Protein backbone atom coordinates (compact mmCIF):
# COMPACT_ATOMS: atom_id res chain seq x y z
CA MET A 1 0.00 0.00 0.00
CA LYS A 2 1.19 3.49 -0.82
CA PRO A 3 2.16 5.66 2.15
CA GLU A 4 0.07 8.52 0.74
CA ILE A 5 -3.11 6.47 1.13
CA TYR A 6 -2.26 5.63 4.75
CA GLY A 7 -1.57 9.33 5.36
CA ILE A 8 -4.93 10.31 3.87
CA ILE A 9 -6.68 7.78 6.14
CA VAL A 10 -4.80 9.18 9.16
CA PHE A 11 -5.86 12.71 8.15
CA LEU A 12 -9.51 11.64 7.80
CA HIS A 13 -9.28 9.87 11.16
CA VAL A 14 -7.92 12.97 12.90
CA LEU A 15 -10.45 15.23 11.18
CA SER A 16 -13.31 12.98 12.23
CA ALA A 17 -11.94 12.94 15.80
CA VAL A 18 -12.00 16.75 15.82
CA LEU A 19 -15.57 16.74 14.49
CA SER A 20 -16.55 14.15 17.11
CA ILE A 21 -15.25 16.29 19.97
CA GLY A 22 -15.27 19.92 18.85
CA PRO A 23 -18.99 20.50 18.37
CA LEU A 24 -19.65 19.14 21.86
CA THR A 25 -18.10 22.29 23.30
CA LEU A 26 -20.88 24.26 21.59
CA LEU A 27 -23.51 22.38 23.55
CA MET A 28 -22.61 23.84 26.94
CA PRO A 29 -23.47 27.49 26.16
CA VAL A 30 -26.51 26.48 24.11
CA ILE A 31 -27.87 24.36 26.97
CA ASN A 32 -27.22 27.20 29.43
CA ARG A 33 -29.27 29.57 27.27
CA LEU A 34 -32.22 27.17 27.26
CA TYR A 35 -33.02 27.78 30.92
CA GLY A 36 -36.21 29.84 31.13
CA VAL A 37 -36.56 30.90 27.48
CA GLU A 38 -39.77 31.26 25.49
CA ALA A 39 -41.07 28.31 23.49
CA SER A 40 -40.27 29.94 20.13
CA ILE A 41 -36.62 30.56 21.06
CA GLU A 42 -36.44 27.18 22.76
CA GLN A 43 -37.12 25.42 19.47
CA ALA A 44 -34.21 27.22 17.78
CA TYR A 45 -31.80 26.14 20.51
CA LEU A 46 -33.07 22.57 20.38
CA SER A 47 -32.49 22.55 16.63
CA VAL A 48 -28.88 23.61 17.19
CA ILE A 49 -28.44 20.81 19.73
CA LYS A 50 -29.88 18.25 17.32
CA VAL A 51 -27.57 19.40 14.52
CA VAL A 52 -24.54 19.22 16.81
CA ILE A 53 -25.47 15.71 17.92
CA ARG A 54 -25.98 14.64 14.31
CA ILE A 55 -22.54 16.02 13.32
CA VAL A 56 -20.92 14.23 16.25
CA MET A 57 -22.73 11.00 15.40
CA HIS A 58 -21.75 10.99 11.71
CA ALA A 59 -18.18 12.06 12.48
CA GLY A 60 -18.09 9.14 14.91
CA HIS A 61 -19.04 6.78 12.09
CA VAL A 62 -16.15 8.09 9.97
CA LEU A 63 -13.89 7.88 13.00
CA VAL A 64 -14.71 4.21 13.55
CA PHE A 65 -14.39 3.34 9.86
CA THR A 66 -11.02 5.05 9.44
CA GLY A 67 -9.82 3.61 12.75
CA VAL A 68 -10.62 0.09 11.58
CA LEU A 69 -8.82 0.78 8.30
CA LEU A 70 -5.78 2.07 10.17
CA LEU A 71 -5.72 -1.05 12.34
CA ILE A 72 -6.02 -3.34 9.33
CA LEU A 73 -3.38 -1.50 7.29
CA GLY A 74 -1.12 -0.30 10.09
CA PRO A 75 1.45 -1.84 12.40
CA TYR A 76 -0.68 -2.13 15.55
CA PRO A 77 -2.32 -5.44 16.48
CA TRP A 78 -5.96 -5.63 17.58
CA THR A 79 -4.80 -7.13 20.87
CA SER A 80 -2.92 -4.00 21.98
CA SER A 81 -4.24 -2.76 25.29
CA TRP A 82 -4.90 0.75 23.99
CA VAL A 83 -6.91 -0.65 21.07
CA ILE A 84 -9.05 -2.84 23.33
CA LEU A 85 -9.65 0.01 25.80
CA THR A 86 -10.49 2.42 22.96
CA LEU A 87 -13.02 -0.04 21.54
CA ALA A 88 -14.57 -0.57 24.98
CA ILE A 89 -14.94 3.16 25.56
CA LEU A 90 -16.25 3.54 22.00
CA LEU A 91 -19.04 1.06 22.68
CA ILE A 92 -19.87 2.73 25.99
CA SER A 93 -19.95 6.19 24.39
CA GLY A 94 -22.12 4.97 21.50
CA VAL A 95 -24.74 3.65 23.88
CA PHE A 96 -24.32 6.74 26.02
CA LEU A 97 -24.83 9.07 23.06
CA ALA A 98 -28.02 7.32 22.04
CA LYS A 99 -29.49 7.14 25.55
CA GLY A 100 -28.03 10.32 26.97
CA PHE A 101 -28.96 12.74 24.24
CA THR A 102 -31.67 11.35 21.99
CA PHE A 103 -33.82 9.92 24.78
CA VAL A 104 -33.52 13.07 26.88
CA LEU A 105 -34.34 15.36 23.95
CA ARG A 106 -37.47 13.35 23.16
CA ARG A 107 -38.72 13.94 26.71
CA PHE A 108 -38.23 17.69 26.36
CA HIS A 109 -41.51 18.19 24.51
CA ASN A 110 -43.65 16.34 27.05
CA PRO A 111 -46.00 18.86 28.70
CA ASP A 112 -45.39 17.43 32.17
CA ALA A 113 -41.60 17.28 31.76
CA ASP A 114 -39.39 19.18 34.20
CA LYS A 115 -37.29 21.15 31.71
CA ASP A 116 -34.70 22.24 34.25
CA ASP A 117 -34.10 18.60 35.19
CA ILE A 118 -33.80 17.65 31.51
CA LEU A 119 -31.36 20.50 30.86
CA ASN A 120 -29.27 19.52 33.90
CA ARG A 121 -29.18 15.95 32.62
CA LEU A 122 -28.25 17.16 29.13
CA MET A 123 -25.39 19.24 30.54
CA ARG A 124 -24.13 16.33 32.65
CA THR A 125 -24.39 14.00 29.65
CA SER A 126 -22.43 16.46 27.51
CA TRP A 127 -19.59 16.64 30.03
CA ILE A 128 -19.47 12.86 30.48
CA TYR A 129 -19.49 12.24 26.74
CA LEU A 130 -16.79 14.88 26.24
CA GLY A 131 -14.72 13.17 28.94
CA LEU A 132 -15.13 9.77 27.26
CA MET A 133 -14.08 11.23 23.91
CA LEU A 134 -11.01 12.86 25.46
CA ILE A 135 -10.01 9.56 27.08
CA MET A 136 -10.31 7.85 23.70
CA LEU A 137 -8.30 10.65 22.11
CA TRP A 138 -5.59 10.19 24.73
CA LEU A 139 -5.53 6.43 24.12
CA MET A 140 -5.23 6.89 20.35
CA VAL A 141 -2.48 9.52 20.57
CA GLN A 142 -0.46 8.14 23.48
CA LYS A 143 -1.01 4.41 22.74
CA PRO A 144 -0.19 3.27 26.29
CA MET A 145 0.52 -0.41 26.86
CA PHE A 146 -1.19 -1.61 30.03
CA TRP A 147 -0.54 -5.32 29.46
């Protein structure tokens, strides 16, 4: 395989990692602005949140695909501790993204929903997901060997 192709895959992998993490930092101020706003403005903020989550989700798909390609084509075995830990955190964060964001946002439109509680949960979910992504980023960059 040509080194240029491997380099392009690495570039796409890094770019998708940035797009998986970067937009999450936009969620914090948007969620903070949702406290006590009118219903018309609320819908605009919720639309921004949904777009950010969609970008993160699709960038995550590219991240996984390019990561698998890099493992197949690169020098690192699947049994490396950093690979196994990254995959474990990836599975956890995938489930977490689906349950933590999508499920919570669906409840937002219920008339009897406590919006402050939902927003607090959304903020907590954002920080936890950001933390998981940063741990995965550290594992991919540092490649520590635990066993």
